[in-house]
Amino acid sequence: MGAAIHTRSTLYNKMANVEAAFKNLHQDLIDGCKTGDQKAQFQVYKLYYKAMFNTSLRIVNDTMEAEDIMQESFLSAFEKIDTYSGTVSFGAWLKKIVINRSLDTLSRKKAIFEDIETHIGIKDTSGEEIALKEEVEIKVEEVKQAIENLPDGYRIILSLYLLEGYDHDEIADILSITSSTSRSQLSRAKQKLLSELKK
């Protein structure tokens, strides 16, 4: 019993050390960015640009727009890097900037979350996650393609939840909606996605 506790304790310590090492992996580059070191900025850009471009693309669904947003987000991040407190990973902090800029771009064009219940054939039913997993056997790329073809509101909520890994509280904060609205919109988005995949 004592040996098992000791082993578990050692395992937790190792995991904590790995996590700490990961958080500080590029700290020297981030510190360089804070002093205005352009080489450090370029290295940080190279580390994160692809992931940030993909994040924006999943929201705006336009390659040129996503490229512009990604570039602007890096400029903004470097300008206000002194506000980065280190309480979250640098990547998470940067991703939040990219997501906010992407949403701002969309909202300038149109109201993203119009009354999505008006879309024909959408019904809020339970078990949509099971239906997606069990009824639809399809390649990941085809699912991503189907998501890209959804209306903005659906695409954004699915991207934030399924692809970016945000929970409903975080999505509510990002989109300035309630957690329950996030849940209901995700449910409807999954139903719409399922109906698109069945086509």
N, C-alpha and C. Protein backbone atom coordinates (compact mmCIF):
# COMPACT_ATOMS: atom_id res chain seq x y z
N MET A 1 0.83 -1.21 0.00
CA MET A 1 0.00 0.00 0.00
C MET A 1 0.87 1.26 0.00
N GLY A 2 1.86 1.25 0.93
CA GLY A 2 2.77 2.40 1.02
C GLY A 2 3.57 2.58 -0.25
N ALA A 3 3.99 1.44 -0.86
CA ALA A 3 4.76 1.49 -2.11
C ALA A 3 3.92 2.08 -3.23
N ALA A 4 2.63 1.69 -3.28
CA ALA A 4 1.73 2.21 -4.32
C ALA A 4 1.56 3.71 -4.19
N ILE A 5 1.41 4.19 -2.96
CA ILE A 5 1.27 5.64 -2.72
C ILE A 5 2.53 6.36 -3.14
N HIS A 6 3.71 5.75 -2.78
CA HIS A 6 4.99 6.36 -3.14
C HIS A 6 5.13 6.44 -4.67
N THR A 7 4.76 5.32 -5.36
CA THR A 7 4.83 5.29 -6.83
C THR A 7 3.93 6.35 -7.44
N ARG A 8 2.71 6.46 -6.92
CA ARG A 8 1.76 7.45 -7.41
C ARG A 8 2.30 8.86 -7.19
N SER A 9 2.87 9.09 -6.02
CA SER A 9 3.43 10.40 -5.69
C SER A 9 4.57 10.74 -6.64
N THR A 10 5.43 9.74 -6.93
CA THR A 10 6.55 9.96 -7.85
C THR A 10 6.04 10.28 -9.24
N LEU A 11 4.99 9.57 -9.66
CA LEU A 11 4.39 9.80 -10.97
C LEU A 11 3.83 11.21 -11.07
N TYR A 12 3.11 11.67 -10.03
CA TYR A 12 2.56 13.03 -10.02
C TYR A 12 3.68 14.07 -10.10
N ASN A 13 4.77 13.82 -9.35
CA ASN A 13 5.90 14.76 -9.38
C ASN A 13 6.51 14.84 -10.77
N LYS A 14 6.66 13.68 -11.42
CA LYS A 14 7.22 13.66 -12.77
C LYS A 14 6.31 14.41 -13.74
N MET A 15 4.98 14.18 -13.61
CA MET A 15 4.02 14.86 -14.48
C MET A 15 4.08 16.37 -14.26
N ALA A 16 4.19 16.79 -13.02
CA ALA A 16 4.28 18.23 -12.70
C ALA A 16 5.53 18.83 -13.31
N ASN A 17 6.66 18.08 -13.24
CA ASN A 17 7.91 18.57 -13.81
C ASN A 17 7.82 18.70 -15.33
N VAL A 18 7.20 17.71 -15.98
CA VAL A 18 7.02 17.76 -17.43
C VAL A 18 6.15 18.95 -17.81
N GLU A 19 5.05 19.15 -17.05
CA GLU A 19 4.15 20.28 -17.32
C GLU A 19 4.87 21.60 -17.15
N ALA A 20 5.67 21.73 -16.08
CA ALA A 20 6.41 22.97 -15.84
C ALA A 20 7.41 23.21 -16.97
N ALA A 21 8.09 22.13 -17.42
CA ALA A 21 9.06 22.27 -18.50
C ALA A 21 8.37 22.70 -19.79
N PHE A 22 7.18 22.16 -20.04
CA PHE A 22 6.44 22.52 -21.25
C PHE A 22 6.03 23.98 -21.22
N LYS A 23 5.55 24.44 -20.07
CA LYS A 23 5.10 25.84 -19.95
C LYS A 23 6.24 26.82 -20.21
N ASN A 24 7.45 26.43 -19.82
CA ASN A 24 8.58 27.35 -19.93
C ASN A 24 9.50 27.03 -21.11
N LEU A 25 9.05 26.15 -22.00
CA LEU A 25 9.87 25.68 -23.10
C LEU A 25 10.41 26.83 -23.97
N HIS A 26 9.57 27.81 -24.27
CA HIS A 26 9.98 28.92 -25.14
C HIS A 26 10.02 30.25 -24.38
N GLN A 27 10.22 30.16 -23.07
CA GLN A 27 10.20 31.38 -22.25
C GLN A 27 11.28 32.36 -22.67
N ASP A 28 12.44 31.84 -23.08
CA ASP A 28 13.53 32.73 -23.50
C ASP A 28 13.12 33.55 -24.72
N LEU A 29 12.38 32.92 -25.64
CA LEU A 29 11.91 33.65 -26.82
C LEU A 29 10.86 34.69 -26.45
N ILE A 30 9.98 34.32 -25.53
CA ILE A 30 8.93 35.25 -25.08
C ILE A 30 9.58 36.45 -24.38
N ASP A 31 10.59 36.16 -23.56
CA ASP A 31 11.33 37.25 -22.90
C ASP A 31 12.00 38.15 -23.94
N GLY A 32 12.53 37.53 -25.00
CA GLY A 32 13.15 38.30 -26.08
C GLY A 32 12.15 39.20 -26.77
N CYS A 33 10.95 38.67 -26.97
CA CYS A 33 9.87 39.47 -27.60
C CYS A 33 9.54 40.68 -26.74
N LYS A 34 9.58 40.49 -25.42
CA LYS A 34 9.25 41.60 -24.50
C LYS A 34 10.27 42.73 -24.60
N THR A 35 11.49 42.39 -25.01
CA THR A 35 12.52 43.44 -25.15
C THR A 35 12.58 43.97 -26.59
N GLY A 36 11.68 43.46 -27.46
CA GLY A 36 11.64 43.93 -28.84
C GLY A 36 12.62 43.24 -29.76
N ASP A 37 13.16 42.10 -29.34
CA ASP A 37 14.12 41.34 -30.15
C ASP A 37 13.41 40.74 -31.36
N GLN A 38 13.77 41.24 -32.56
CA GLN A 38 13.08 40.80 -33.78
C GLN A 38 13.37 39.34 -34.12
N LYS A 39 14.55 38.86 -33.79
CA LYS A 39 14.87 37.45 -34.03
C LYS A 39 13.96 36.55 -33.18
N ALA A 40 13.77 36.95 -31.94
CA ALA A 40 12.89 36.19 -31.04
C ALA A 40 11.46 36.23 -31.57
N GLN A 41 11.04 37.40 -32.04
CA GLN A 41 9.68 37.53 -32.60
C GLN A 41 9.49 36.61 -33.80
N PHE A 42 10.52 36.56 -34.65
CA PHE A 42 10.44 35.71 -35.84
C PHE A 42 10.36 34.22 -35.44
N GLN A 43 11.14 33.84 -34.43
CA GLN A 43 11.12 32.45 -33.95
C GLN A 43 9.74 32.09 -33.37
N VAL A 44 9.16 33.01 -32.61
CA VAL A 44 7.83 32.79 -32.05
C VAL A 44 6.80 32.68 -33.18
N TYR A 45 6.95 33.54 -34.17
CA TYR A 45 6.06 33.49 -35.34
C TYR A 45 6.14 32.13 -36.01
N LYS A 46 7.37 31.64 -36.24
CA LYS A 46 7.55 30.35 -36.90
C LYS A 46 6.95 29.20 -36.08
N LEU A 47 7.01 29.31 -34.77
CA LEU A 47 6.47 28.26 -33.90
C LEU A 47 4.95 28.19 -33.94
N TYR A 48 4.29 29.34 -34.06
CA TYR A 48 2.84 29.39 -33.88
C TYR A 48 2.01 29.75 -35.11
N TYR A 49 2.64 30.23 -36.19
CA TYR A 49 1.83 30.80 -37.27
C TYR A 49 0.87 29.80 -37.90
N LYS A 50 1.31 28.55 -38.10
CA LYS A 50 0.45 27.57 -38.78
C LYS A 50 -0.79 27.25 -37.95
N ALA A 51 -0.60 27.02 -36.66
CA ALA A 51 -1.73 26.70 -35.78
C ALA A 51 -2.70 27.88 -35.71
N MET A 52 -2.16 29.11 -35.65
CA MET A 52 -3.01 30.30 -35.55
C MET A 52 -3.76 30.55 -36.86
N PHE A 53 -3.10 30.29 -37.98
CA PHE A 53 -3.76 30.43 -39.29
C PHE A 53 -4.93 29.44 -39.37
N ASN A 54 -4.70 28.19 -38.97
CA ASN A 54 -5.75 27.17 -39.02
C ASN A 54 -6.92 27.51 -38.10
N THR A 55 -6.61 28.07 -36.92
CA THR A 55 -7.66 28.48 -35.99
C THR A 55 -8.54 29.55 -36.63
N SER A 56 -7.92 30.54 -37.24
CA SER A 56 -8.67 31.62 -37.88
C SER A 56 -9.45 31.09 -39.08
N LEU A 57 -8.82 30.24 -39.87
CA LEU A 57 -9.47 29.70 -41.08
C LEU A 57 -10.74 28.93 -40.73
N ARG A 58 -10.72 28.19 -39.62
CA ARG A 58 -11.89 27.43 -39.22
C ARG A 58 -13.06 28.35 -38.86
N ILE A 59 -12.76 29.57 -38.47
CA ILE A 59 -13.81 30.51 -38.10
C ILE A 59 -14.28 31.34 -39.30
N VAL A 60 -13.33 31.93 -40.03
CA VAL A 60 -13.73 32.84 -41.12
C VAL A 60 -13.96 32.12 -42.44
N ASN A 61 -13.39 30.91 -42.57
CA ASN A 61 -13.60 30.09 -43.76
C ASN A 61 -13.16 30.78 -45.04
N ASP A 62 -12.08 31.55 -44.95
CA ASP A 62 -11.55 32.27 -46.10
C ASP A 62 -10.03 32.37 -45.93
N THR A 63 -9.30 31.78 -46.87
CA THR A 63 -7.84 31.68 -46.74
C THR A 63 -7.16 33.04 -46.63
N MET A 64 -7.51 33.95 -47.53
CA MET A 64 -6.88 35.29 -47.52
C MET A 64 -7.21 36.04 -46.24
N GLU A 65 -8.47 35.95 -45.83
CA GLU A 65 -8.90 36.63 -44.61
C GLU A 65 -8.16 36.06 -43.40
N ALA A 66 -8.05 34.73 -43.34
CA ALA A 66 -7.36 34.08 -42.22
C ALA A 66 -5.89 34.48 -42.17
N GLU A 67 -5.28 34.60 -43.33
CA GLU A 67 -3.86 35.03 -43.41
C GLU A 67 -3.71 36.43 -42.84
N ASP A 68 -4.59 37.35 -43.25
CA ASP A 68 -4.54 38.73 -42.74
C ASP A 68 -4.75 38.77 -41.23
N ILE A 69 -5.74 38.02 -40.76
CA ILE A 69 -6.05 38.00 -39.33
C ILE A 69 -4.88 37.46 -38.54
N MET A 70 -4.27 36.39 -39.06
CA MET A 70 -3.11 35.79 -38.37
C MET A 70 -1.96 36.81 -38.26
N GLN A 71 -1.68 37.51 -39.36
CA GLN A 71 -0.59 38.51 -39.35
C GLN A 71 -0.91 39.64 -38.35
N GLU A 72 -2.14 40.13 -38.41
CA GLU A 72 -2.55 41.21 -37.51
C GLU A 72 -2.51 40.78 -36.05
N SER A 73 -2.85 39.53 -35.81
CA SER A 73 -2.86 39.01 -34.44
C SER A 73 -1.45 38.96 -33.87
N PHE A 74 -0.48 38.55 -34.69
CA PHE A 74 0.91 38.54 -34.23
C PHE A 74 1.40 39.95 -33.93
N LEU A 75 1.08 40.89 -34.82
CA LEU A 75 1.49 42.28 -34.58
C LEU A 75 0.89 42.79 -33.28
N SER A 76 -0.39 42.51 -33.09
CA SER A 76 -1.07 42.93 -31.86
C SER A 76 -0.44 42.27 -30.63
N ALA A 77 -0.15 40.98 -30.74
CA ALA A 77 0.45 40.25 -29.61
C ALA A 77 1.81 40.82 -29.24
N PHE A 78 2.64 41.12 -30.25
CA PHE A 78 3.96 41.67 -29.97
C PHE A 78 3.87 43.08 -29.38
N GLU A 79 2.87 43.84 -29.82
CA GLU A 79 2.69 45.19 -29.29
C GLU A 79 2.26 45.19 -27.82
N LYS A 80 1.43 44.20 -27.45
CA LYS A 80 0.95 44.18 -26.06
C LYS A 80 1.45 42.97 -25.28
N ILE A 81 2.65 42.50 -25.63
CA ILE A 81 3.19 41.30 -24.98
C ILE A 81 3.46 41.53 -23.49
N ASP A 82 3.62 42.79 -23.11
CA ASP A 82 3.82 43.09 -21.68
C ASP A 82 2.59 42.74 -20.85
N THR A 83 1.45 42.62 -21.50
CA THR A 83 0.23 42.26 -20.76
C THR A 83 0.10 40.75 -20.58
N TYR A 84 1.00 39.98 -21.24
CA TYR A 84 0.96 38.53 -21.08
C TYR A 84 1.52 38.19 -19.70
N SER A 85 0.65 37.64 -18.85
CA SER A 85 1.03 37.41 -17.45
C SER A 85 1.65 36.05 -17.19
N GLY A 86 1.49 35.11 -18.13
CA GLY A 86 2.05 33.78 -17.92
C GLY A 86 1.15 32.84 -17.14
N THR A 87 -0.08 33.29 -16.84
CA THR A 87 -1.01 32.41 -16.10
C THR A 87 -1.59 31.32 -17.01
N VAL A 88 -1.55 31.53 -18.33
CA VAL A 88 -1.89 30.49 -19.30
C VAL A 88 -0.70 30.36 -20.25
N SER A 89 -0.69 29.32 -21.06
CA SER A 89 0.41 29.17 -22.01
C SER A 89 0.37 30.31 -23.03
N PHE A 90 1.53 30.64 -23.57
CA PHE A 90 1.59 31.71 -24.56
C PHE A 90 0.71 31.38 -25.77
N GLY A 91 0.71 30.11 -26.17
CA GLY A 91 -0.12 29.68 -27.30
C GLY A 91 -1.60 29.93 -27.05
N ALA A 92 -2.06 29.64 -25.83
CA ALA A 92 -3.47 29.86 -25.48
C ALA A 92 -3.80 31.35 -25.50
N TRP A 93 -2.87 32.16 -25.00
CA TRP A 93 -3.06 33.62 -24.98
C TRP A 93 -3.14 34.16 -26.42
N LEU A 94 -2.24 33.69 -27.27
CA LEU A 94 -2.21 34.12 -28.66
C LEU A 94 -3.45 33.65 -29.41
N LYS A 95 -3.89 32.42 -29.13
CA LYS A 95 -5.07 31.88 -29.78
C LYS A 95 -6.31 32.70 -29.46
N LYS A 96 -6.40 33.18 -28.24
CA LYS A 96 -7.54 34.02 -27.85
C LYS A 96 -7.58 35.30 -28.68
N ILE A 97 -6.41 35.88 -28.93
CA ILE A 97 -6.32 37.09 -29.77
C ILE A 97 -6.80 36.76 -31.18
N VAL A 98 -6.33 35.63 -31.72
CA VAL A 98 -6.70 35.22 -33.08
C VAL A 98 -8.20 34.98 -33.18
N ILE A 99 -8.77 34.28 -32.21
CA ILE A 99 -10.20 33.99 -32.23
C ILE A 99 -11.02 35.28 -32.15
N ASN A 100 -10.62 36.18 -31.25
CA ASN A 100 -11.36 37.44 -31.12
C ASN A 100 -11.30 38.27 -32.40
N ARG A 101 -10.13 38.32 -33.03
CA ARG A 101 -9.99 39.07 -34.29
C ARG A 101 -10.81 38.42 -35.40
N SER A 102 -10.82 37.09 -35.42
CA SER A 102 -11.60 36.37 -36.43
C SER A 102 -13.09 36.65 -36.27
N LEU A 103 -13.55 36.61 -35.03
CA LEU A 103 -14.96 36.88 -34.76
C LEU A 103 -15.32 38.33 -35.09
N ASP A 104 -14.42 39.25 -34.76
CA ASP A 104 -14.65 40.66 -35.08
C ASP A 104 -14.79 40.86 -36.59
N THR A 105 -13.94 40.16 -37.35
CA THR A 105 -14.00 40.26 -38.81
C THR A 105 -15.34 39.78 -39.33
N LEU A 106 -15.80 38.66 -38.81
CA LEU A 106 -17.10 38.13 -39.24
C LEU A 106 -18.25 39.05 -38.85
N SER A 107 -18.18 39.56 -37.62
CA SER A 107 -19.30 40.38 -37.14
C SER A 107 -19.39 41.70 -37.89
N ARG A 108 -18.27 42.16 -38.44
CA ARG A 108 -18.32 43.37 -39.27
C ARG A 108 -19.09 43.10 -40.55
N LYS A 109 -19.05 41.88 -41.05
CA LYS A 109 -19.75 41.55 -42.29
C LYS A 109 -21.23 41.30 -42.04
N LYS A 110 -21.53 40.59 -40.98
CA LYS A 110 -22.94 40.26 -40.71
C LYS A 110 -23.11 39.82 -39.27
N ALA A 111 -24.34 39.73 -38.83
CA ALA A 111 -24.62 39.24 -37.48
C ALA A 111 -24.45 37.73 -37.49
N ILE A 112 -23.49 37.23 -36.73
CA ILE A 112 -23.16 35.81 -36.79
C ILE A 112 -24.29 34.96 -36.23
N PHE A 113 -24.73 35.34 -35.05
CA PHE A 113 -25.72 34.50 -34.40
C PHE A 113 -27.13 35.05 -34.57
N GLU A 114 -27.56 35.03 -35.86
CA GLU A 114 -28.95 35.33 -36.11
C GLU A 114 -29.75 34.16 -35.57
N ASP A 115 -31.03 34.26 -35.64
CA ASP A 115 -31.87 33.21 -35.06
C ASP A 115 -31.67 31.91 -35.83
N ILE A 116 -30.73 31.07 -35.35
CA ILE A 116 -30.36 29.89 -36.14
C ILE A 116 -31.45 28.83 -36.16
N GLU A 117 -32.47 28.97 -35.32
CA GLU A 117 -33.58 28.03 -35.40
C GLU A 117 -34.35 28.17 -36.72
N THR A 118 -34.15 29.29 -37.44
CA THR A 118 -34.89 29.50 -38.68
C THR A 118 -34.39 28.61 -39.81
N HIS A 119 -33.21 27.99 -39.62
CA HIS A 119 -32.73 27.08 -40.66
C HIS A 119 -33.64 25.86 -40.73
N ILE A 120 -34.02 25.52 -41.90
CA ILE A 120 -35.00 24.44 -42.11
C ILE A 120 -34.41 23.09 -41.71
N GLY A 121 -35.25 22.28 -41.06
CA GLY A 121 -34.88 20.91 -40.75
C GLY A 121 -34.03 20.73 -39.52
N ILE A 122 -33.87 21.73 -38.69
CA ILE A 122 -33.06 21.60 -37.49
C ILE A 122 -33.96 21.31 -36.30
N LYS A 123 -33.71 20.22 -35.62
CA LYS A 123 -34.46 19.89 -34.43
C LYS A 123 -33.49 19.59 -33.31
N ASP A 124 -33.76 20.12 -32.14
CA ASP A 124 -32.90 19.91 -30.98
C ASP A 124 -33.30 18.61 -30.30
N THR A 125 -32.56 17.56 -30.57
CA THR A 125 -32.86 16.27 -29.95
C THR A 125 -31.66 15.79 -29.16
N SER A 126 -31.92 14.89 -28.23
CA SER A 126 -30.82 14.35 -27.42
C SER A 126 -30.12 13.24 -28.20
N GLY A 127 -28.92 12.91 -27.75
CA GLY A 127 -28.18 11.81 -28.35
C GLY A 127 -27.44 12.15 -29.63
N GLU A 128 -27.27 13.46 -29.92
CA GLU A 128 -26.61 13.81 -31.17
C GLU A 128 -25.16 13.37 -31.23
N GLU A 129 -24.48 13.39 -30.08
CA GLU A 129 -23.08 12.95 -30.08
C GLU A 129 -22.98 11.47 -30.41
N ILE A 130 -23.89 10.66 -29.84
CA ILE A 130 -23.91 9.22 -30.11
C ILE A 130 -24.21 9.00 -31.59
N ALA A 131 -25.16 9.79 -32.11
CA ALA A 131 -25.52 9.66 -33.51
C ALA A 131 -24.33 9.95 -34.41
N LEU A 132 -23.58 11.02 -34.07
CA LEU A 132 -22.41 11.37 -34.88
C LEU A 132 -21.37 10.26 -34.86
N LYS A 133 -21.18 9.66 -33.67
CA LYS A 133 -20.14 8.63 -33.55
C LYS A 133 -20.57 7.30 -34.16
N GLU A 134 -21.82 6.92 -33.94
CA GLU A 134 -22.26 5.58 -34.34
C GLU A 134 -22.86 5.53 -35.74
N GLU A 135 -23.58 6.56 -36.14
CA GLU A 135 -24.28 6.50 -37.43
C GLU A 135 -23.41 6.96 -38.59
N VAL A 136 -22.43 7.79 -38.32
CA VAL A 136 -21.64 8.36 -39.40
C VAL A 136 -20.19 7.86 -39.32
N GLU A 137 -19.85 6.96 -40.23
CA GLU A 137 -18.47 6.46 -40.33
C GLU A 137 -17.85 7.17 -41.53
N ILE A 138 -17.06 8.19 -41.26
CA ILE A 138 -16.57 9.02 -42.36
C ILE A 138 -15.20 9.57 -42.02
N LYS A 139 -14.42 9.90 -43.01
CA LYS A 139 -13.07 10.39 -42.79
C LYS A 139 -13.07 11.77 -42.14
N VAL A 140 -12.03 12.03 -41.36
CA VAL A 140 -11.91 13.30 -40.65
C VAL A 140 -11.92 14.48 -41.61
N GLU A 141 -11.25 14.35 -42.74
CA GLU A 141 -11.19 15.45 -43.70
C GLU A 141 -12.58 15.78 -44.25
N GLU A 142 -13.38 14.76 -44.44
CA GLU A 142 -14.74 14.99 -44.95
C GLU A 142 -15.60 15.70 -43.91
N VAL A 143 -15.37 15.37 -42.65
CA VAL A 143 -16.10 16.04 -41.56
C VAL A 143 -15.69 17.52 -41.53
N LYS A 144 -14.38 17.76 -41.63
CA LYS A 144 -13.90 19.15 -41.62
C LYS A 144 -14.48 19.92 -42.80
N GLN A 145 -14.55 19.26 -43.95
CA GLN A 145 -15.12 19.90 -45.14
C GLN A 145 -16.59 20.24 -44.91
N ALA A 146 -17.30 19.31 -44.29
CA ALA A 146 -18.72 19.54 -44.00
C ALA A 146 -18.89 20.70 -43.03
N ILE A 147 -18.00 20.79 -42.03
CA ILE A 147 -18.05 21.90 -41.07
C ILE A 147 -17.83 23.23 -41.80
N GLU A 148 -16.87 23.24 -42.72
CA GLU A 148 -16.57 24.47 -43.47
C GLU A 148 -17.77 24.96 -44.27
N ASN A 149 -18.63 24.03 -44.70
CA ASN A 149 -19.78 24.40 -45.52
C ASN A 149 -21.00 24.83 -44.71
N LEU A 150 -20.91 24.75 -43.38
CA LEU A 150 -22.04 25.14 -42.53
C LEU A 150 -22.17 26.66 -42.45
N PRO A 151 -23.35 27.17 -42.09
CA PRO A 151 -23.49 28.62 -41.83
C PRO A 151 -22.53 29.05 -40.72
N ASP A 152 -22.16 30.31 -40.71
CA ASP A 152 -21.15 30.82 -39.78
C ASP A 152 -21.39 30.42 -38.33
N GLY A 153 -22.60 30.62 -37.85
CA GLY A 153 -22.89 30.34 -36.45
C GLY A 153 -22.59 28.91 -36.07
N TYR A 154 -23.02 27.98 -36.91
CA TYR A 154 -22.76 26.57 -36.66
C TYR A 154 -21.26 26.26 -36.73
N ARG A 155 -20.61 26.77 -37.78
CA ARG A 155 -19.20 26.48 -38.00
C ARG A 155 -18.35 26.97 -36.82
N ILE A 156 -18.67 28.16 -36.33
CA ILE A 156 -17.89 28.73 -35.23
C ILE A 156 -18.05 27.91 -33.96
N ILE A 157 -19.27 27.57 -33.61
CA ILE A 157 -19.49 26.84 -32.36
C ILE A 157 -18.86 25.46 -32.41
N LEU A 158 -18.96 24.78 -33.57
CA LEU A 158 -18.34 23.46 -33.71
C LEU A 158 -16.81 23.56 -33.69
N SER A 159 -16.28 24.57 -34.33
CA SER A 159 -14.82 24.76 -34.36
C SER A 159 -14.27 25.02 -32.96
N LEU A 160 -14.94 25.91 -32.24
CA LEU A 160 -14.46 26.24 -30.89
C LEU A 160 -14.56 25.04 -29.95
N TYR A 161 -15.64 24.29 -30.07
CA TYR A 161 -15.87 23.17 -29.14
C TYR A 161 -15.12 21.90 -29.55
N LEU A 162 -15.30 21.47 -30.79
CA LEU A 162 -14.72 20.19 -31.22
C LEU A 162 -13.26 20.31 -31.64
N LEU A 163 -12.90 21.38 -32.35
CA LEU A 163 -11.55 21.47 -32.90
C LEU A 163 -10.58 22.23 -32.01
N GLU A 164 -11.06 23.29 -31.36
CA GLU A 164 -10.17 24.08 -30.50
C GLU A 164 -10.18 23.60 -29.05
N GLY A 165 -11.21 22.85 -28.68
CA GLY A 165 -11.23 22.25 -27.34
C GLY A 165 -11.72 23.16 -26.22
N TYR A 166 -12.43 24.24 -26.56
CA TYR A 166 -12.96 25.11 -25.51
C TYR A 166 -14.21 24.49 -24.90
N ASP A 167 -14.42 24.72 -23.59
CA ASP A 167 -15.65 24.24 -22.95
C ASP A 167 -16.73 25.33 -23.10
N HIS A 168 -17.95 25.01 -22.64
CA HIS A 168 -19.06 25.95 -22.86
C HIS A 168 -18.89 27.27 -22.12
N ASP A 169 -18.28 27.24 -20.94
CA ASP A 169 -18.04 28.49 -20.21
C ASP A 169 -17.08 29.39 -20.98
N GLU A 170 -16.03 28.77 -21.53
CA GLU A 170 -15.04 29.55 -22.31
C GLU A 170 -15.67 30.09 -23.59
N ILE A 171 -16.47 29.26 -24.25
CA ILE A 171 -17.14 29.72 -25.47
C ILE A 171 -18.10 30.86 -25.16
N ALA A 172 -18.81 30.73 -24.05
CA ALA A 172 -19.73 31.78 -23.62
C ALA A 172 -18.99 33.10 -23.44
N ASP A 173 -17.80 33.02 -22.83
CA ASP A 173 -16.98 34.21 -22.60
C ASP A 173 -16.50 34.80 -23.93
N ILE A 174 -16.02 33.95 -24.83
CA ILE A 174 -15.49 34.40 -26.11
C ILE A 174 -16.57 35.07 -26.97
N LEU A 175 -17.77 34.45 -26.99
CA LEU A 175 -18.83 34.93 -27.88
C LEU A 175 -19.83 35.86 -27.21
N SER A 176 -19.62 36.12 -25.92
CA SER A 176 -20.54 36.97 -25.15
C SER A 176 -21.97 36.44 -25.19
N ILE A 177 -22.08 35.14 -24.92
CA ILE A 177 -23.38 34.49 -24.81
C ILE A 177 -23.40 33.72 -23.51
N THR A 178 -24.52 33.09 -23.16
CA THR A 178 -24.58 32.29 -21.94
C THR A 178 -24.11 30.88 -22.24
N SER A 179 -23.73 30.14 -21.19
CA SER A 179 -23.32 28.75 -21.35
C SER A 179 -24.45 27.91 -21.92
N SER A 180 -25.68 28.18 -21.47
CA SER A 180 -26.82 27.39 -21.97
C SER A 180 -27.06 27.66 -23.45
N THR A 181 -26.85 28.91 -23.88
CA THR A 181 -26.97 29.23 -25.31
C THR A 181 -25.91 28.49 -26.10
N SER A 182 -24.69 28.45 -25.56
CA SER A 182 -23.61 27.71 -26.21
C SER A 182 -23.98 26.24 -26.37
N ARG A 183 -24.53 25.65 -25.32
CA ARG A 183 -24.93 24.23 -25.37
C ARG A 183 -26.02 23.98 -26.42
N SER A 184 -27.04 24.85 -26.42
CA SER A 184 -28.15 24.63 -27.36
C SER A 184 -27.70 24.86 -28.80
N GLN A 185 -26.83 25.86 -29.02
CA GLN A 185 -26.34 26.11 -30.37
C GLN A 185 -25.44 24.97 -30.85
N LEU A 186 -24.64 24.41 -29.92
CA LEU A 186 -23.80 23.27 -30.29
C LEU A 186 -24.66 22.07 -30.66
N SER A 187 -25.72 21.86 -29.90
CA SER A 187 -26.63 20.75 -30.19
C SER A 187 -27.23 20.88 -31.58
N ARG A 188 -27.70 22.08 -31.91
CA ARG A 188 -28.28 22.31 -33.23
C ARG A 188 -27.23 22.20 -34.34
N ALA A 189 -26.03 22.70 -34.03
CA ALA A 189 -24.95 22.63 -35.03
C ALA A 189 -24.59 21.18 -35.33
N LYS A 190 -24.59 20.34 -34.31
CA LYS A 190 -24.29 18.92 -34.52
C LYS A 190 -25.37 18.26 -35.36
N GLN A 191 -26.62 18.62 -35.11
CA GLN A 191 -27.72 18.07 -35.91
C GLN A 191 -27.58 18.49 -37.37
N LYS A 192 -27.24 19.75 -37.59
CA LYS A 192 -27.06 20.26 -38.95
C LYS A 192 -25.89 19.54 -39.62
N LEU A 193 -24.80 19.36 -38.88
CA LEU A 193 -23.63 18.66 -39.42
C LEU A 193 -24.00 17.22 -39.79
N LEU A 194 -24.72 16.56 -38.90
CA LEU A 194 -25.14 15.19 -39.16
C LEU A 194 -25.98 15.10 -40.42
N SER A 195 -26.90 16.04 -40.58
CA SER A 195 -27.77 16.00 -41.77
C SER A 195 -26.95 16.27 -43.04
N GLU A 196 -25.93 17.14 -42.94
CA GLU A 196 -25.05 17.41 -44.09
C GLU A 196 -24.23 16.17 -44.45
N LEU A 197 -23.73 15.47 -43.42
CA LEU A 197 -22.92 14.28 -43.67
C LEU A 197 -23.75 13.15 -44.27
N LYS A 198 -25.00 13.06 -43.87
CA LYS A 198 -25.88 12.01 -44.40
C LYS A 198 -26.20 12.23 -45.88
N LYS A 199 -26.11 13.48 -46.33
CA LYS A 199 -26.36 13.77 -47.75
C LYS A 199 -25.29 13.12 -48.62
